[in-house]
Amino acid sequence: MFFVDFRQTMDCFRSINHSFIKGDGPLQGTQVYDLIQHQALAWQETSPFTIPLPGPGPYVFSGSGSSYYLAQTAAHFALLLGLDARAQASTDVILEPETMLRGTGCLVIISRSGTTTEALWAASRGKEKGWPVVAVTCHAESPLVKVADFTMVSPQGEDHTIVMIKSFSSMLFLLQNSLLLTVGKSEFLDHFSRVVDEVVQHTMAVIPQVFEPTRPRRLYLLGSGVRFGIAQEGALKAQEMSNQCAMAYVPMEFRHGPWGSVTREDLVVVLGQTRHRSLEHDVVQDLLRRTDKVIGIAQQEWFNANPMHPAIVLPANWSDITLGPLAIIPLQILAWHWTIAVGKDPDHPDNITQVVQLHDRPTHHVSSEKRP
């Protein structure tokens, strides 16, 4: 196990970039860093709010921005448990409810604030179609909760930052436990959160290696199935905090055009899954012909047949389909480091705000939170 504290990490990066400190003021990025490091505390508080989803399904998981990527992850997790599930952007539910909510089912709306207009409008569409609506949020008294039929809350999940950190992982943790209960399995609450510290410390020791001798030009994140939403959220975090180019793809689909832009200066992160390791290893070997900046994030078994350096090893105690709340942590840390390396402050991203408000329109009025 590695033990690296915040100031040691910053010392490591001063040789790369000297703008980590604003004058004689405090270190930049301390709020986001603290959220990353201690987000498991929010996971533990979700237990009283964990309920099985109502009805037999199908379950439509919906959200906007980070919450949509969370919906994608939860929907694929549900599929792997044998449930009928899919993810739809809240916008699609609003604009095409007759298609997105055909027949009967259950609509699960995810919104950190519970005030996102897209979330509220999608909930209304669900009610109009006679579907039960489940609200997943960090605010128990929010408007979304008031219109929903069922509620799941991450009471300590609010980040109080522009970017979603513990809100994303804690709501995913909550949903995964809910889905396990839905299929008659027990929660994995008791011990899962205890390994967060190890993942954080290990990642903080590994990530600086890919910033030597220079920081990456671009960031590509690859994940399939239950990891694709995680990859997209990781790319979004990097873009939001650093204003740099970051993109997410499915590993094998990356061959079909996107990797034509990869250069030696680019970093590729592969979110590996043990049951997919053979074909994912083939992708890694192809990538290494294009850049030596390739990181694997997976369980040890994934690395056994194809050792990689650097590697971030996830715990082997659970099935890798359950490790989404842990798998996002290295990507949050990577985004934080990249932001520091380009001289920006992760706590105060440029050009985005926590809330986006659009003026009312007769049929398309939207007033939405940027990071629901």
Protein backbone atom coordinates (compact mmCIF):
# COMPACT_ATOMS: atom_id res chain seq x y z
CA MET A 1 0.00 0.00 0.00
CA PHE A 2 1.15 3.54 -0.76
CA PHE A 3 0.87 6.53 1.56
CA VAL A 4 1.14 9.90 -0.14
CA ASP A 5 -0.28 13.01 1.49
CA PHE A 6 -1.44 16.16 -0.29
CA ARG A 7 1.69 18.24 0.27
CA GLN A 8 3.99 15.41 -0.82
CA THR A 9 1.99 15.12 -4.03
CA MET A 10 2.20 18.86 -4.67
CA ASP A 11 5.96 18.80 -4.07
CA CYS A 12 6.21 16.11 -6.72
CA PHE A 13 4.48 18.40 -9.23
CA ARG A 14 6.36 21.60 -8.56
CA SER A 15 9.09 20.43 -10.95
CA ILE A 16 6.46 20.31 -13.72
CA ASN A 17 4.51 23.49 -13.05
CA HIS A 18 5.10 26.35 -10.64
CA SER A 19 1.61 27.82 -10.57
CA PHE A 20 0.06 25.55 -7.95
CA ILE A 21 0.01 28.33 -5.38
CA LYS A 22 -1.74 31.65 -5.82
CA GLY A 23 0.84 34.06 -4.46
CA ASP A 24 1.33 33.30 -0.81
CA GLY A 25 -2.20 31.93 -0.49
CA PRO A 26 -3.42 28.38 0.05
CA LEU A 27 -2.73 25.51 -2.30
CA GLN A 28 -5.11 25.24 -5.22
CA GLY A 29 -7.52 22.35 -5.57
CA THR A 30 -7.71 21.52 -1.87
CA GLN A 31 -11.52 21.33 -1.82
CA VAL A 32 -11.80 18.90 -4.73
CA TYR A 33 -8.86 16.89 -3.42
CA ASP A 34 -10.54 16.57 -0.03
CA LEU A 35 -13.79 15.42 -1.68
CA ILE A 36 -11.94 12.76 -3.65
CA GLN A 37 -10.07 11.50 -0.62
CA HIS A 38 -13.04 11.29 1.75
CA GLN A 39 -15.99 10.46 -0.51
CA ALA A 40 -16.53 7.05 1.09
CA LEU A 41 -17.98 8.85 4.11
CA ALA A 42 -20.90 9.87 1.91
CA TRP A 43 -21.35 6.29 0.71
CA GLN A 44 -21.82 5.04 4.25
CA GLU A 45 -24.67 7.48 4.86
CA THR A 46 -26.77 6.12 1.98
CA SER A 47 -27.75 2.88 3.73
CA PRO A 48 -31.02 4.12 5.33
CA PHE A 49 -32.18 5.39 1.92
CA THR A 50 -31.45 2.22 -0.03
CA ILE A 51 -34.65 0.60 -1.28
CA PRO A 52 -35.40 -1.93 -4.04
CA LEU A 53 -36.81 -0.41 -7.20
CA PRO A 54 -40.58 -0.78 -7.57
CA GLY A 55 -42.24 -3.11 -10.05
CA PRO A 56 -40.78 -5.61 -12.49
CA GLY A 57 -39.40 -2.97 -14.87
CA PRO A 58 -38.31 -2.18 -17.45
CA TYR A 59 -36.27 0.50 -15.69
CA VAL A 60 -35.32 3.66 -17.53
CA PHE A 61 -32.48 5.55 -15.84
CA SER A 62 -32.28 9.20 -16.83
CA GLY A 63 -30.18 12.28 -16.11
CA SER A 64 -28.21 15.11 -17.67
CA GLY A 65 -24.44 15.61 -17.80
CA SER A 66 -22.68 13.62 -15.10
CA SER A 67 -26.03 12.26 -13.96
CA TYR A 68 -26.61 10.81 -17.43
CA TYR A 69 -23.27 9.02 -17.30
CA LEU A 70 -24.29 7.75 -13.88
CA ALA A 71 -27.58 6.57 -15.43
CA GLN A 72 -25.65 4.69 -18.13
CA THR A 73 -23.53 2.94 -15.51
CA ALA A 74 -26.52 2.01 -13.35
CA ALA A 75 -28.52 0.75 -16.33
CA HIS A 76 -25.74 -1.55 -17.48
CA PHE A 77 -25.23 -2.78 -13.93
CA ALA A 78 -28.97 -3.60 -13.84
CA LEU A 79 -28.68 -5.47 -17.14
CA LEU A 80 -25.83 -7.56 -15.76
CA LEU A 81 -28.05 -8.48 -12.81
CA GLY A 82 -30.70 -9.75 -15.21
CA LEU A 83 -33.05 -6.75 -15.10
CA ASP A 84 -34.60 -5.07 -18.13
CA ALA A 85 -33.00 -1.62 -18.09
CA ARG A 86 -31.72 1.17 -20.30
CA ALA A 87 -30.42 4.73 -19.96
CA GLN A 88 -31.91 7.75 -21.68
CA ALA A 89 -30.84 11.37 -21.49
CA SER A 90 -33.46 13.49 -19.76
CA THR A 91 -33.76 15.55 -22.93
CA ASP A 92 -34.87 12.48 -24.90
CA VAL A 93 -37.49 11.63 -22.29
CA ILE A 94 -38.81 15.20 -22.48
CA LEU A 95 -38.88 15.43 -26.27
CA GLU A 96 -39.94 11.89 -27.16
CA PRO A 97 -41.82 10.39 -24.19
CA GLU A 98 -44.00 8.24 -26.45
CA THR A 99 -40.83 6.45 -27.60
CA MET A 100 -38.67 6.57 -24.49
CA LEU A 101 -41.49 5.54 -22.13
CA ARG A 102 -43.41 3.13 -24.32
CA GLY A 103 -45.65 0.66 -22.52
CA THR A 104 -45.18 0.29 -18.77
CA GLY A 105 -42.11 0.59 -16.59
CA CYS A 106 -40.32 2.62 -13.93
CA LEU A 107 -38.50 5.92 -14.51
CA VAL A 108 -35.43 6.61 -12.34
CA ILE A 109 -34.44 10.28 -12.46
CA ILE A 110 -30.96 11.24 -11.19
CA SER A 111 -30.12 14.82 -10.20
CA ARG A 112 -27.58 15.98 -7.64
CA SER A 113 -29.57 19.10 -6.79
CA GLY A 114 -33.06 17.79 -7.43
CA THR A 115 -33.80 21.15 -9.06
CA THR A 116 -32.63 20.48 -12.61
CA THR A 117 -35.37 21.50 -15.00
CA GLU A 118 -34.67 18.60 -17.36
CA ALA A 119 -35.06 16.21 -14.43
CA LEU A 120 -38.34 17.81 -13.35
CA TRP A 121 -39.71 17.84 -16.88
CA ALA A 122 -38.69 14.20 -17.43
CA ALA A 123 -40.40 13.27 -14.15
CA SER A 124 -43.55 14.99 -15.37
CA ARG A 125 -43.41 12.99 -18.60
CA GLY A 126 -43.15 9.81 -16.54
CA LYS A 127 -46.17 10.77 -14.45
CA GLU A 128 -48.16 11.57 -17.59
CA LYS A 129 -47.38 8.11 -18.95
CA GLY A 130 -48.44 6.50 -15.66
CA TRP A 131 -44.94 5.30 -14.79
CA PRO A 132 -43.76 5.29 -11.16
CA VAL A 133 -40.97 7.84 -10.77
CA VAL A 134 -37.97 7.29 -8.50
CA ALA A 135 -35.87 10.33 -7.54
CA VAL A 136 -32.17 9.81 -6.85
CA THR A 137 -30.63 12.97 -5.44
CA CYS A 138 -28.51 14.54 -2.72
CA HIS A 139 -31.32 16.80 -1.45
CA ALA A 140 -34.27 15.25 0.38
CA GLU A 141 -36.37 18.42 0.25
CA SER A 142 -35.84 19.19 -3.42
CA PRO A 143 -38.59 19.74 -6.00
CA LEU A 144 -37.72 16.44 -7.68
CA VAL A 145 -38.40 14.55 -4.46
CA LYS A 146 -41.76 16.27 -4.12
CA VAL A 147 -42.99 15.08 -7.51
CA ALA A 148 -41.51 11.56 -7.31
CA ASP A 149 -43.31 8.46 -6.07
CA PHE A 150 -40.19 7.00 -4.45
CA THR A 151 -36.98 8.62 -3.23
CA MET A 152 -33.37 7.57 -2.69
CA VAL A 153 -31.10 10.17 -1.14
CA SER A 154 -27.37 10.50 -0.63
CA PRO A 155 -27.68 12.85 2.36
CA GLN A 156 -23.96 13.69 2.51
CA GLY A 157 -23.40 13.60 -1.24
CA GLU A 158 -23.57 17.33 -2.01
CA ASP A 159 -20.13 18.52 -3.15
CA HIS A 160 -20.58 22.30 -2.79
CA THR A 161 -18.37 22.54 -5.87
CA ILE A 162 -19.04 22.98 -9.56
CA VAL A 163 -17.80 19.52 -10.49
CA MET A 164 -19.48 16.36 -9.24
CA ILE A 165 -17.18 14.20 -7.11
CA LYS A 166 -18.72 12.44 -4.10
CA SER A 167 -22.21 13.13 -5.40
CA PHE A 168 -21.48 10.95 -8.44
CA SER A 169 -19.86 8.07 -6.57
CA SER A 170 -22.29 8.08 -3.65
CA MET A 171 -25.39 8.08 -5.87
CA LEU A 172 -23.85 5.26 -7.93
CA PHE A 173 -23.09 3.38 -4.72
CA LEU A 174 -26.70 3.93 -3.62
CA LEU A 175 -28.12 2.75 -6.95
CA GLN A 176 -25.97 -0.35 -7.10
CA ASN A 177 -27.06 -1.37 -3.63
CA SER A 178 -30.67 -0.67 -4.61
CA LEU A 179 -30.36 -2.86 -7.68
CA LEU A 180 -28.81 -5.65 -5.65
CA LEU A 181 -31.80 -5.49 -3.32
CA THR A 182 -34.13 -5.44 -6.32
CA VAL A 183 -32.84 -8.85 -7.44
CA GLY A 184 -32.88 -10.24 -3.90
CA LYS A 185 -29.20 -9.86 -3.07
CA SER A 186 -27.68 -8.17 -0.03
CA GLU A 187 -25.92 -4.82 -0.06
CA PHE A 188 -22.13 -4.66 -0.26
CA LEU A 189 -22.01 -1.68 2.08
CA ASP A 190 -20.10 -2.88 5.12
CA HIS A 191 -16.59 -3.35 3.72
CA PHE A 192 -16.62 -1.80 0.26
CA SER A 193 -15.99 1.77 1.38
CA ARG A 194 -13.00 0.75 3.50
CA VAL A 195 -10.73 0.28 0.50
CA VAL A 196 -11.16 3.82 -0.82
CA ASP A 197 -8.13 5.04 1.10
CA GLU A 198 -5.97 2.38 -0.51
CA VAL A 199 -7.19 3.23 -4.01
CA VAL A 200 -6.57 6.94 -3.44
CA GLN A 201 -3.06 6.47 -2.07
CA HIS A 202 -2.09 3.98 -4.77
CA THR A 203 -3.37 6.27 -7.51
CA MET A 204 -1.59 9.30 -6.05
CA ALA A 205 1.66 7.35 -6.28
CA VAL A 206 1.08 6.20 -9.88
CA ILE A 207 -0.43 9.19 -11.70
CA PRO A 208 2.62 11.51 -11.47
CA GLN A 209 4.61 9.02 -13.56
CA VAL A 210 2.66 9.86 -16.71
CA PHE A 211 3.40 13.58 -16.28
CA GLU A 212 7.15 13.04 -16.73
CA PRO A 213 8.92 14.52 -18.56
CA THR A 214 5.93 16.53 -19.82
CA ARG A 215 2.21 16.47 -19.23
CA PRO A 216 0.03 14.67 -21.79
CA ARG A 217 -1.28 16.57 -24.81
CA ARG A 218 -4.65 14.80 -24.83
CA LEU A 219 -6.48 12.29 -22.67
CA TYR A 220 -8.41 9.29 -23.97
CA LEU A 221 -10.42 7.12 -21.60
CA LEU A 222 -11.59 3.68 -22.70
CA GLY A 223 -14.27 1.60 -21.05
CA SER A 224 -17.00 -0.77 -22.17
CA GLY A 225 -20.33 -1.82 -20.73
CA VAL A 226 -20.55 -0.95 -17.06
CA ARG A 227 -17.34 1.11 -17.43
CA PHE A 228 -18.38 3.26 -20.40
CA GLY A 229 -20.34 5.71 -18.27
CA ILE A 230 -17.37 5.83 -15.89
CA ALA A 231 -15.03 6.63 -18.79
CA GLN A 232 -17.34 9.41 -19.99
CA GLU A 233 -17.55 10.89 -16.50
CA GLY A 234 -13.76 10.78 -16.21
CA ALA A 235 -13.39 12.62 -19.51
CA LEU A 236 -15.95 15.21 -18.41
CA LYS A 237 -14.12 15.82 -15.12
CA ALA A 238 -10.87 16.40 -17.00
CA GLN A 239 -12.53 18.79 -19.44
CA GLU A 240 -14.41 20.70 -16.76
CA MET A 241 -11.47 21.23 -14.44
CA SER A 242 -8.61 21.70 -16.91
CA ASN A 243 -10.33 22.98 -20.08
CA GLN A 244 -8.17 20.49 -21.97
CA CYS A 245 -9.20 17.90 -24.56
CA ALA A 246 -10.41 14.60 -23.09
CA MET A 247 -12.53 11.96 -24.82
CA ALA A 248 -14.14 8.63 -23.93
CA TYR A 249 -14.60 5.59 -26.16
CA VAL A 250 -15.34 1.88 -26.00
CA PRO A 251 -11.95 0.07 -26.23
CA MET A 252 -12.54 -2.00 -29.36
CA GLU A 253 -14.45 0.85 -31.03
CA PHE A 254 -11.39 3.05 -30.54
CA ARG A 255 -9.77 1.25 -33.45
CA HIS A 256 -12.52 2.44 -35.80
CA GLY A 257 -11.16 5.89 -36.47
CA PRO A 258 -10.61 7.72 -33.15
CA TRP A 259 -7.14 6.38 -32.49
CA GLY A 260 -5.91 7.92 -35.72
CA SER A 261 -5.29 11.11 -33.74
CA VAL A 262 -3.23 9.46 -30.98
CA THR A 263 0.38 10.63 -30.73
CA ARG A 264 3.29 9.87 -28.44
CA GLU A 265 2.31 12.86 -26.33
CA ASP A 266 -1.17 11.49 -25.55
CA LEU A 267 -2.31 9.51 -22.52
CA VAL A 268 -4.71 6.58 -22.87
CA VAL A 269 -6.43 5.09 -19.83
CA VAL A 270 -8.02 1.64 -20.14
CA LEU A 271 -10.70 0.72 -17.62
CA GLY A 272 -10.24 -3.04 -17.79
CA GLN A 273 -12.69 -5.73 -16.77
CA THR A 274 -11.45 -9.19 -15.91
CA ARG A 275 -14.00 -11.04 -18.04
CA HIS A 276 -13.02 -8.92 -21.07
CA ARG A 277 -9.28 -9.01 -20.56
CA SER A 278 -8.27 -10.99 -23.67
CA LEU A 279 -9.71 -8.57 -26.22
CA GLU A 280 -8.88 -5.53 -24.08
CA HIS A 281 -5.25 -6.66 -23.91
CA ASP A 282 -5.16 -6.77 -27.71
CA VAL A 283 -6.26 -3.13 -27.76
CA VAL A 284 -3.56 -2.22 -25.23
CA GLN A 285 -0.86 -3.84 -27.37
CA ASP A 286 -2.03 -1.87 -30.39
CA LEU A 287 -2.06 1.32 -28.34
CA LEU A 288 1.50 0.82 -27.11
CA ARG A 289 2.67 1.05 -30.73
CA ARG A 290 1.29 4.59 -30.76
CA THR A 291 2.12 5.90 -27.30
CA ASP A 292 3.88 4.56 -24.24
CA LYS A 293 1.59 6.63 -22.02
CA VAL A 294 -0.99 3.92 -21.31
CA ILE A 295 -2.47 3.24 -17.87
CA GLY A 296 -4.58 0.24 -16.94
CA ILE A 297 -7.16 0.45 -14.15
CA ALA A 298 -8.44 -3.01 -13.26
CA GLN A 299 -8.25 -5.90 -10.84
CA GLN A 300 -5.00 -7.82 -10.51
CA GLU A 301 -6.30 -10.76 -12.54
CA TRP A 302 -6.69 -8.46 -15.54
CA PHE A 303 -2.97 -7.61 -15.35
CA ASN A 304 -1.66 -11.14 -14.73
CA ALA A 305 -1.56 -12.17 -18.38
CA ASN A 306 -0.36 -8.77 -19.58
CA PRO A 307 1.60 -6.81 -16.96
CA MET A 308 1.48 -3.05 -17.49
CA HIS A 309 3.36 -0.16 -16.03
CA PRO A 310 1.96 2.08 -14.75
CA ALA A 311 -1.01 0.16 -13.39
CA ILE A 312 -3.70 1.01 -10.87
CA VAL A 313 -4.99 -2.16 -9.26
CA LEU A 314 -8.54 -2.33 -7.95
CA PRO A 315 -9.41 -4.72 -5.09
CA ALA A 316 -10.24 -8.32 -5.90
CA ASN A 317 -12.74 -8.79 -3.06
CA TRP A 318 -15.77 -8.13 -5.27
CA SER A 319 -16.94 -8.79 -8.81
CA ASP A 320 -15.50 -6.14 -11.08
CA ILE A 321 -18.99 -5.12 -12.24
CA THR A 322 -19.56 -3.63 -8.76
CA LEU A 323 -16.39 -1.51 -8.73
CA GLY A 324 -17.75 1.59 -10.49
CA PRO A 325 -17.61 3.81 -7.38
CA LEU A 326 -13.96 2.84 -6.97
CA ALA A 327 -13.04 2.96 -10.67
CA ILE A 328 -14.06 6.62 -10.97
CA ILE A 329 -11.64 7.68 -8.22
CA PRO A 330 -8.41 7.33 -10.27
CA LEU A 331 -10.05 9.33 -13.06
CA GLN A 332 -11.02 12.09 -10.64
CA ILE A 333 -7.45 12.17 -9.37
CA LEU A 334 -6.07 12.19 -12.93
CA ALA A 335 -8.32 15.13 -13.82
CA TRP A 336 -7.19 16.95 -10.68
CA HIS A 337 -3.49 16.40 -11.50
CA TRP A 338 -3.92 17.43 -15.10
CA THR A 339 -5.64 20.63 -14.02
CA ILE A 340 -2.83 21.44 -11.60
CA ALA A 341 -0.25 20.69 -14.29
CA VAL A 342 -1.76 23.24 -16.69
CA GLY A 343 -1.79 25.88 -13.97
CA LYS A 344 -5.52 25.93 -13.26
CA ASP A 345 -7.49 25.51 -10.05
CA PRO A 346 -9.73 22.40 -9.79
CA ASP A 347 -11.86 24.21 -7.20
CA HIS A 348 -12.67 27.04 -9.61
CA PRO A 349 -12.99 25.78 -13.20
CA ASP A 350 -13.05 28.33 -16.02
CA ASN A 351 -16.06 28.97 -18.23
CA ILE A 352 -18.60 26.79 -16.42
CA THR A 353 -20.93 27.33 -13.51
CA GLN A 354 -22.81 24.96 -11.24
CA VAL A 355 -26.16 26.24 -12.52
CA VAL A 356 -27.19 27.02 -16.09
CA GLN A 357 -30.44 28.94 -16.45
CA LEU A 358 -32.25 29.43 -19.74
CA HIS A 359 -35.17 31.80 -20.13
CA ASP A 360 -38.70 30.43 -20.14
CA ARG A 361 -40.14 29.52 -23.49
CA PRO A 362 -43.70 28.50 -24.29
CA THR A 363 -42.87 24.85 -25.02
CA HIS A 364 -39.12 24.50 -24.43
CA HIS A 365 -38.44 26.29 -21.18
CA VAL A 366 -35.31 24.89 -19.55
CA SER A 367 -33.53 26.09 -16.41
CA SER A 368 -30.92 23.53 -15.58
CA GLU A 369 -28.00 22.88 -13.33
CA LYS A 370 -24.83 22.35 -15.33
CA ARG A 371 -23.78 19.40 -13.17
CA PRO A 372 -27.05 17.82 -11.99
